[in-house]
Amino acid sequence: MTTTEVWCDRCGESATTAAHPGCASARQLEPPRFCHRCRRRMKVQVLPVGWSAACVEHGEIRG
């Protein structure tokens, strides 16, 4: 059996070992900075109508 680590998409630290109240609060206003699946830093573009964040391994998300 393999376990998959989940990462905080704002600070890049493990999301399973500690609570991230500051990150959760900031994520209401900011786009993610790290991929929650692989911990890679994402390319983020902020536009007046939203944002996009792209991981080279897992693709793009928009908000």
N, C-alpha and C. Protein backbone atom coordinates (compact mmCIF):
# COMPACT_ATOMS: atom_id res chain seq x y z
N MET A 1 0.85 -1.18 0.00
CA MET A 1 0.00 0.00 0.00
C MET A 1 0.89 1.24 0.00
N THR A 2 0.56 2.20 -0.82
CA THR A 2 1.32 3.45 -0.86
C THR A 2 0.46 4.58 -0.30
N THR A 3 1.13 5.50 0.35
CA THR A 3 0.43 6.68 0.85
C THR A 3 0.86 7.88 0.04
N THR A 4 -0.06 8.74 -0.22
CA THR A 4 0.22 9.93 -1.00
C THR A 4 0.21 11.13 -0.07
N GLU A 5 1.31 11.84 -0.04
CA GLU A 5 1.42 13.04 0.78
C GLU A 5 0.63 14.16 0.13
N VAL A 6 -0.04 14.94 0.93
CA VAL A 6 -0.77 16.11 0.44
C VAL A 6 -0.05 17.35 0.96
N TRP A 7 0.17 18.30 0.07
CA TRP A 7 0.95 19.49 0.41
C TRP A 7 0.07 20.72 0.46
N CYS A 8 0.41 21.68 1.29
CA CYS A 8 -0.29 22.96 1.35
C CYS A 8 0.00 23.70 0.05
N ASP A 9 -1.04 24.18 -0.62
CA ASP A 9 -0.82 24.86 -1.90
C ASP A 9 -0.39 26.31 -1.76
N ARG A 10 -0.24 26.79 -0.54
CA ARG A 10 0.25 28.16 -0.34
C ARG A 10 1.70 28.18 0.13
N CYS A 11 2.04 27.36 1.16
CA CYS A 11 3.41 27.40 1.71
C CYS A 11 4.27 26.23 1.25
N GLY A 12 3.67 25.17 0.75
CA GLY A 12 4.43 24.02 0.26
C GLY A 12 4.79 23.01 1.33
N GLU A 13 4.39 23.22 2.57
CA GLU A 13 4.68 22.27 3.64
C GLU A 13 3.60 21.19 3.67
N SER A 14 3.84 20.14 4.43
CA SER A 14 2.90 19.04 4.53
C SER A 14 1.56 19.52 5.09
N ALA A 15 0.48 19.18 4.42
CA ALA A 15 -0.85 19.58 4.86
C ALA A 15 -1.44 18.58 5.84
N THR A 16 -0.80 17.42 6.00
CA THR A 16 -1.34 16.38 6.87
C THR A 16 -0.74 16.42 8.28
N THR A 17 0.41 17.06 8.47
CA THR A 17 1.06 17.04 9.78
C THR A 17 0.68 18.22 10.67
N ALA A 18 0.25 19.31 10.09
CA ALA A 18 -0.07 20.49 10.91
C ALA A 18 -1.19 21.29 10.25
N ALA A 19 -1.91 22.03 11.08
CA ALA A 19 -2.95 22.92 10.57
C ALA A 19 -2.30 24.15 9.95
N HIS A 20 -2.95 24.72 8.98
CA HIS A 20 -2.43 25.89 8.29
C HIS A 20 -3.50 26.99 8.28
N PRO A 21 -3.88 27.52 9.45
CA PRO A 21 -4.95 28.53 9.46
C PRO A 21 -4.58 29.80 8.71
N GLY A 22 -3.32 30.22 8.78
CA GLY A 22 -2.88 31.41 8.05
C GLY A 22 -2.94 31.20 6.54
N CYS A 23 -2.57 30.01 6.11
CA CYS A 23 -2.61 29.69 4.69
C CYS A 23 -4.05 29.62 4.20
N ALA A 24 -4.92 29.00 4.98
CA ALA A 24 -6.33 28.89 4.59
C ALA A 24 -6.96 30.27 4.48
N SER A 25 -6.62 31.14 5.39
CA SER A 25 -7.14 32.51 5.36
C SER A 25 -6.64 33.27 4.15
N ALA A 26 -5.35 33.15 3.86
CA ALA A 26 -4.76 33.86 2.73
C ALA A 26 -5.25 33.32 1.40
N ARG A 27 -5.55 32.01 1.33
CA ARG A 27 -5.99 31.40 0.07
C ARG A 27 -7.36 31.88 -0.37
N GLN A 28 -8.10 32.52 0.51
CA GLN A 28 -9.38 33.08 0.10
C GLN A 28 -9.18 34.26 -0.85
N LEU A 29 -8.01 34.90 -0.77
CA LEU A 29 -7.72 36.08 -1.60
C LEU A 29 -6.61 35.85 -2.62
N GLU A 30 -5.79 34.82 -2.44
CA GLU A 30 -4.62 34.59 -3.29
C GLU A 30 -4.74 33.28 -4.05
N PRO A 31 -4.08 33.18 -5.20
CA PRO A 31 -4.03 31.90 -5.91
C PRO A 31 -3.05 30.95 -5.22
N PRO A 32 -3.13 29.66 -5.53
CA PRO A 32 -2.16 28.71 -4.97
C PRO A 32 -0.77 28.97 -5.53
N ARG A 33 0.25 28.67 -4.76
CA ARG A 33 1.63 28.86 -5.20
C ARG A 33 2.36 27.54 -5.41
N PHE A 34 1.91 26.49 -4.75
CA PHE A 34 2.54 25.17 -4.86
C PHE A 34 1.49 24.14 -5.28
N CYS A 35 1.90 23.13 -6.05
CA CYS A 35 1.01 22.05 -6.42
C CYS A 35 0.72 21.21 -5.18
N HIS A 36 -0.55 20.95 -4.90
CA HIS A 36 -0.90 20.17 -3.70
C HIS A 36 -0.59 18.68 -3.88
N ARG A 37 -0.32 18.25 -5.10
CA ARG A 37 -0.04 16.83 -5.35
C ARG A 37 1.44 16.50 -5.35
N CYS A 38 2.30 17.44 -5.83
CA CYS A 38 3.73 17.11 -5.95
C CYS A 38 4.66 18.11 -5.28
N ARG A 39 4.13 19.20 -4.74
CA ARG A 39 4.89 20.22 -4.02
C ARG A 39 5.76 21.10 -4.93
N ARG A 40 5.59 21.00 -6.23
CA ARG A 40 6.35 21.87 -7.13
C ARG A 40 5.79 23.28 -7.08
N ARG A 41 6.68 24.24 -7.25
CA ARG A 41 6.27 25.64 -7.36
C ARG A 41 5.56 25.80 -8.70
N MET A 42 4.41 26.45 -8.70
CA MET A 42 3.64 26.61 -9.93
C MET A 42 3.85 27.99 -10.55
N LYS A 43 3.66 28.05 -11.85
CA LYS A 43 3.68 29.32 -12.57
C LYS A 43 2.30 29.93 -12.40
N VAL A 44 2.21 31.11 -11.78
CA VAL A 44 0.94 31.75 -11.46
C VAL A 44 0.80 33.04 -12.25
N GLN A 45 -0.38 33.23 -12.82
CA GLN A 45 -0.69 34.47 -13.51
C GLN A 45 -1.98 35.03 -12.93
N VAL A 46 -1.92 36.27 -12.46
CA VAL A 46 -3.09 36.94 -11.89
C VAL A 46 -3.58 37.97 -12.89
N LEU A 47 -4.87 37.89 -13.20
CA LEU A 47 -5.51 38.80 -14.14
C LEU A 47 -6.64 39.53 -13.44
N PRO A 48 -7.15 40.62 -14.01
CA PRO A 48 -8.27 41.32 -13.38
C PRO A 48 -9.53 40.45 -13.23
N VAL A 49 -9.67 39.43 -14.06
CA VAL A 49 -10.87 38.58 -14.01
C VAL A 49 -10.64 37.25 -13.30
N GLY A 50 -9.47 37.00 -12.76
CA GLY A 50 -9.18 35.74 -12.08
C GLY A 50 -7.71 35.41 -12.09
N TRP A 51 -7.39 34.13 -11.98
CA TRP A 51 -6.00 33.69 -11.96
C TRP A 51 -5.89 32.31 -12.60
N SER A 52 -4.66 31.94 -12.97
CA SER A 52 -4.37 30.59 -13.42
C SER A 52 -3.04 30.18 -12.79
N ALA A 53 -2.94 28.91 -12.45
CA ALA A 53 -1.71 28.37 -11.87
C ALA A 53 -1.41 27.06 -12.59
N ALA A 54 -0.18 26.89 -13.05
CA ALA A 54 0.19 25.72 -13.84
C ALA A 54 1.34 24.96 -13.20
N CYS A 55 1.13 23.66 -13.02
CA CYS A 55 2.18 22.74 -12.57
C CYS A 55 2.67 22.01 -13.80
N VAL A 56 3.98 21.86 -13.95
CA VAL A 56 4.51 21.19 -15.14
C VAL A 56 4.11 19.72 -15.17
N GLU A 57 3.84 19.12 -14.03
CA GLU A 57 3.47 17.72 -13.95
C GLU A 57 1.96 17.49 -14.01
N HIS A 58 1.17 18.36 -13.37
CA HIS A 58 -0.26 18.09 -13.20
C HIS A 58 -1.19 19.08 -13.93
N GLY A 59 -0.65 19.98 -14.70
CA GLY A 59 -1.49 20.85 -15.51
C GLY A 59 -1.93 22.13 -14.84
N GLU A 60 -2.95 22.74 -15.42
CA GLU A 60 -3.39 24.08 -15.01
C GLU A 60 -4.70 24.04 -14.23
N ILE A 61 -4.82 24.94 -13.27
CA ILE A 61 -6.08 25.17 -12.59
C ILE A 61 -6.38 26.67 -12.68
N ARG A 62 -7.65 27.01 -12.63
CA ARG A 62 -8.07 28.42 -12.74
C ARG A 62 -9.01 28.76 -11.62
N GLY A 63 -9.01 30.04 -11.30
CA GLY A 63 -9.93 30.50 -10.26
C GLY A 63 -10.34 31.92 -10.49
